[in-house]
Protein backbone atom coordinates (compact mmCIF):
# COMPACT_ATOMS: atom_id res chain seq x y z
CA MET A 1 110.07 119.49 118.23
CA ARG A 2 108.05 116.28 118.59
CA LYS A 3 107.64 113.18 116.48
CA LYS A 4 104.23 111.62 115.86
CA ALA A 5 103.47 107.97 114.96
CA LEU A 6 106.78 107.26 113.28
CA LEU A 7 108.17 103.97 111.98
CA VAL A 8 111.54 103.84 110.21
CA VAL A 9 111.94 101.08 107.64
CA ALA A 10 115.05 100.67 105.46
CA GLY A 11 116.13 104.21 106.13
CA ALA A 12 112.85 105.83 104.98
CA LEU A 13 110.10 106.75 107.37
CA VAL A 14 106.73 105.08 107.00
CA SER A 15 104.07 106.80 109.08
CA SER A 16 101.66 104.54 110.90
CA ALA A 17 97.94 105.11 111.22
CA LEU A 18 98.00 105.12 115.00
CA VAL A 19 96.08 107.91 116.68
CA ALA A 20 96.95 109.26 120.13
CA GLY A 21 94.84 112.18 121.28
CA CYS A 22 95.24 114.88 118.63
CA ALA A 23 98.02 113.05 116.80
CA ALA A 24 98.44 113.48 113.06
CA ILE A 25 96.73 110.88 110.91
CA ILE A 26 99.09 110.37 108.01
CA GLY A 27 97.52 109.74 104.63
CA ALA A 28 93.99 109.78 106.05
CA ALA A 29 92.57 112.45 103.74
CA SER A 30 92.10 112.47 99.99
CA GLY A 31 90.29 114.35 97.26
CA THR A 32 90.92 117.50 95.26
CA LEU A 33 93.88 119.57 96.39
CA SER A 34 93.70 123.32 96.86
CA GLU A 35 96.01 125.76 95.20
CA ASN A 36 99.40 126.11 96.87
CA LEU A 37 98.72 127.89 100.16
CA ALA A 38 102.37 128.69 100.79
CA THR A 39 102.95 131.33 98.11
CA GLN A 40 103.64 134.99 98.79
CA GLU A 41 100.49 135.74 96.80
CA ASN A 42 98.47 133.84 99.40
CA GLY A 43 100.26 135.51 102.29
CA GLY A 44 102.81 132.81 103.07
CA VAL A 45 106.08 133.95 104.66
CA ALA A 46 109.25 131.93 104.05
CA ASN A 47 112.68 132.00 105.64
CA LYS A 48 113.96 132.35 102.06
CA PRO A 49 111.46 134.36 99.93
CA LEU A 50 112.39 132.72 96.61
CA MET A 51 111.07 129.42 97.97
CA ASN A 52 107.48 130.69 98.00
CA ASP A 53 107.42 133.11 95.07
CA GLY A 54 105.37 130.64 93.01
CA ASN A 55 108.08 130.43 90.35
CA GLU A 56 109.74 127.02 90.08
CA PHE A 57 112.59 128.51 88.04
CA THR A 58 113.91 130.57 90.95
CA SER A 59 115.57 129.01 93.97
CA ASP A 60 117.62 129.56 97.09
CA LYS A 61 119.54 127.42 99.54
CA THR A 62 117.95 126.22 102.74
CA GLY A 63 119.08 128.28 105.70
CA SER A 64 118.45 129.20 109.32
CA PRO A 65 114.87 128.73 110.55
CA MET A 66 112.73 131.66 111.66
CA TYR A 67 112.97 132.13 115.42
CA ASP A 68 113.07 134.85 118.05
CA GLN A 69 116.63 136.04 118.64
CA ASN A 70 115.91 135.85 122.38
CA ASP A 71 114.94 132.19 122.12
CA PRO A 72 117.00 130.29 124.73
CA ASN A 73 117.23 127.36 122.28
CA TRP A 74 118.91 129.43 119.56
CA MET A 75 121.92 127.11 119.43
CA ASP A 76 119.66 124.18 118.52
CA HIS A 77 118.09 126.23 115.73
CA GLU A 78 121.50 127.01 114.30
CA LYS A 79 122.17 123.29 113.87
CA LEU A 80 119.39 123.17 111.28
CA SER A 81 119.08 124.23 107.65
CA VAL A 82 115.45 124.59 106.55
CA ALA A 83 113.04 125.59 103.83
CA GLU A 84 110.22 126.98 105.97
CA VAL A 85 106.88 128.67 105.26
CA ARG A 86 104.40 130.13 107.75
CA LEU A 87 100.84 130.39 106.45
CA LYS A 88 98.81 133.60 106.54
CA GLU A 89 95.88 131.75 108.11
CA PRO A 90 96.22 128.55 110.19
CA GLY A 91 94.13 125.65 108.97
CA PRO A 92 94.13 122.14 107.53
CA ILE A 93 97.37 120.84 106.01
CA HIS A 94 97.09 117.67 103.96
CA LYS A 95 100.17 117.67 101.74
CA VAL A 96 103.61 119.31 101.75
CA VAL A 97 105.91 119.21 98.73
CA ALA A 98 109.53 120.36 98.45
CA ARG A 99 110.75 120.86 94.88
CA THR A 100 114.54 120.81 95.02
CA LYS A 101 117.59 120.64 92.82
CA ASP A 102 119.90 118.51 94.95
CA LEU A 103 118.05 116.91 97.85
CA ASP A 104 118.98 113.51 96.41
CA MET A 105 122.67 114.05 97.17
CA PRO A 106 124.20 111.46 99.54
CA LEU A 107 123.63 112.13 103.24
CA PRO A 108 126.91 112.65 105.13
CA GLN A 109 127.35 111.14 108.59
CA GLY A 110 124.90 112.58 111.11
CA MET A 111 122.76 114.40 108.55
CA VAL A 112 118.98 113.92 108.79
CA VAL A 113 116.26 115.21 106.45
CA ALA A 114 112.67 115.50 107.64
CA PHE A 115 109.30 117.17 107.10
CA ASP A 116 107.69 118.99 110.04
CA TYR A 117 104.51 121.01 110.45
CA LEU A 118 103.94 123.88 112.88
CA SER A 119 101.09 122.99 115.24
CA MET A 120 98.41 125.33 116.53
CA ASP A 121 100.44 125.37 119.78
CA ASP A 122 103.50 126.69 117.91
CA GLU A 123 105.34 123.39 118.19
CA TRP A 124 107.19 121.77 115.31
CA ILE A 125 106.03 118.18 114.87
CA GLN A 126 107.89 115.72 112.65
CA VAL A 127 105.87 113.61 110.21
CA ARG A 128 108.51 112.11 107.93
CA GLU A 129 112.23 111.47 108.16
CA TRP A 130 115.12 110.16 106.11
CA ILE A 131 118.32 109.03 107.83
CA ARG A 132 119.72 107.35 104.71
CA ASN A 133 119.27 107.63 100.97
CA PRO A 134 117.43 107.54 98.68
CA ILE A 135 115.59 110.84 98.89
CA PRO A 136 113.85 112.15 95.75
CA ARG A 137 114.55 115.63 94.47
CA VAL A 138 110.82 116.31 94.64
CA ALA A 139 109.92 115.05 98.10
CA SER A 140 106.44 115.07 99.61
CA VAL A 141 104.47 113.92 102.62
CA GLY A 142 100.76 113.48 103.30
CA MET A 143 99.18 114.37 106.61
CA ASN A 144 95.84 115.35 108.15
CA VAL A 145 96.52 118.13 110.64
CA GLU A 146 95.65 121.66 111.65
CA GLY A 147 98.72 123.82 111.42
CA LYS A 148 100.36 127.18 110.91
CA GLY A 149 103.09 126.18 108.47
CA ALA A 150 105.54 123.52 107.36
CA ARG A 151 109.21 123.02 106.70
CA LEU A 152 111.79 120.77 105.12
CA ARG A 153 114.28 120.35 107.96
CA ILE A 154 117.90 119.29 107.57
CA ARG A 155 120.01 118.34 110.57
CA ARG A 156 123.47 119.45 109.51
CA PRO A 157 126.17 116.72 109.13
CA SER A 158 128.46 115.80 112.00
CA SER A 159 131.42 117.25 110.09
CA VAL A 160 129.98 120.78 110.44
CA PHE A 161 130.51 120.54 114.19
CA ALA A 162 133.89 118.80 113.93
CA GLY A 163 135.83 121.35 111.92
CA GLY A 164 135.22 119.76 108.52
CA GLY A 165 135.49 116.08 109.41
CA ALA A 166 138.40 113.75 108.80
CA GLY A 167 141.02 115.67 106.88
CA GLY A 168 138.47 118.35 106.09
CA ASP A 169 137.37 116.40 102.99
CA ASN A 170 133.64 116.72 103.59
CA THR A 171 132.54 120.28 102.87
CA ASP A 172 128.81 119.50 102.79
CA THR A 173 127.12 121.89 105.23
CA GLY A 174 123.70 120.31 104.74
CA ASP A 175 122.29 123.22 102.77
CA ARG A 176 120.19 122.19 99.74
CA ILE A 177 118.78 124.19 96.83
CA VAL A 178 114.99 124.47 96.95
CA TYR A 179 112.79 125.83 94.16
CA GLU A 180 109.46 125.77 96.00
CA LEU A 181 108.01 124.62 99.30
CA GLU A 182 104.31 123.94 98.72
CA ILE A 183 101.48 123.38 101.21
CA TYR A 184 98.05 122.05 100.23
CA ARG A 185 94.74 121.09 101.80
CA TYR A 186 91.89 119.03 100.36
CA LEU A 187 88.86 121.01 99.25
CA THR A 188 85.47 120.35 100.80
CA ASP A 189 82.66 118.92 98.63
CA GLU A 190 81.11 122.39 98.49
CA GLU A 191 84.37 123.94 97.33
CA VAL A 192 84.83 121.26 94.68
CA ALA A 193 81.30 121.90 93.38
CA ALA A 194 81.84 125.66 93.34
CA LYS A 195 85.14 125.25 91.52
CA ALA A 196 83.54 123.00 88.89
CA ALA A 197 80.69 125.50 88.41
CA ALA A 198 83.12 128.38 88.00
CA GLU A 199 85.19 126.46 85.45
CA ALA A 200 82.04 125.50 83.54
CA GLY A 201 80.90 129.11 83.51
CA ALA A 202 84.28 130.29 82.24
CA MET A 203 84.03 127.90 79.27
CA LYS A 204 80.72 129.37 78.05
């Protein structure tokens, strides 16, 4: 998993506009957003199905990422708790939103929260990171990339690997309750015009 053009300021990540080869250009696109591409209805596949059922009133806890059981890096995967969606068709990704119940809880020692996207080369690339609070319950990140999916990634707290921490007081495993993980792209001018025409026709 790589990081692209990252700058951490006061515990929150601010993405720079530097470009290196095919690097992500954060916040470079704007316009009219598509419908949520990450729903089951649109062919999205999530590690926890309730996170892409299109119903914000259902939820599930983040959990293990999707990976091949023969992956030699399986131990690294198990250190993560994610809300993850793979898209039916790879393409532009311009915005990712995680609608959660408790992401704004304090971050225990060693816990990191981040947004990643899955590149066309099947590599997870980080575009935003929090190493301290505050984190909003509804967290989002803008990007301008071609990708196959996205995830909210949580690096589990140090206490998970130390038998519960000092005195076993910290029972936070890093799992968080997520209602929806949403992925959007910006529509082209032609798509915006077609959408406007269709809406106008429906009003007649």
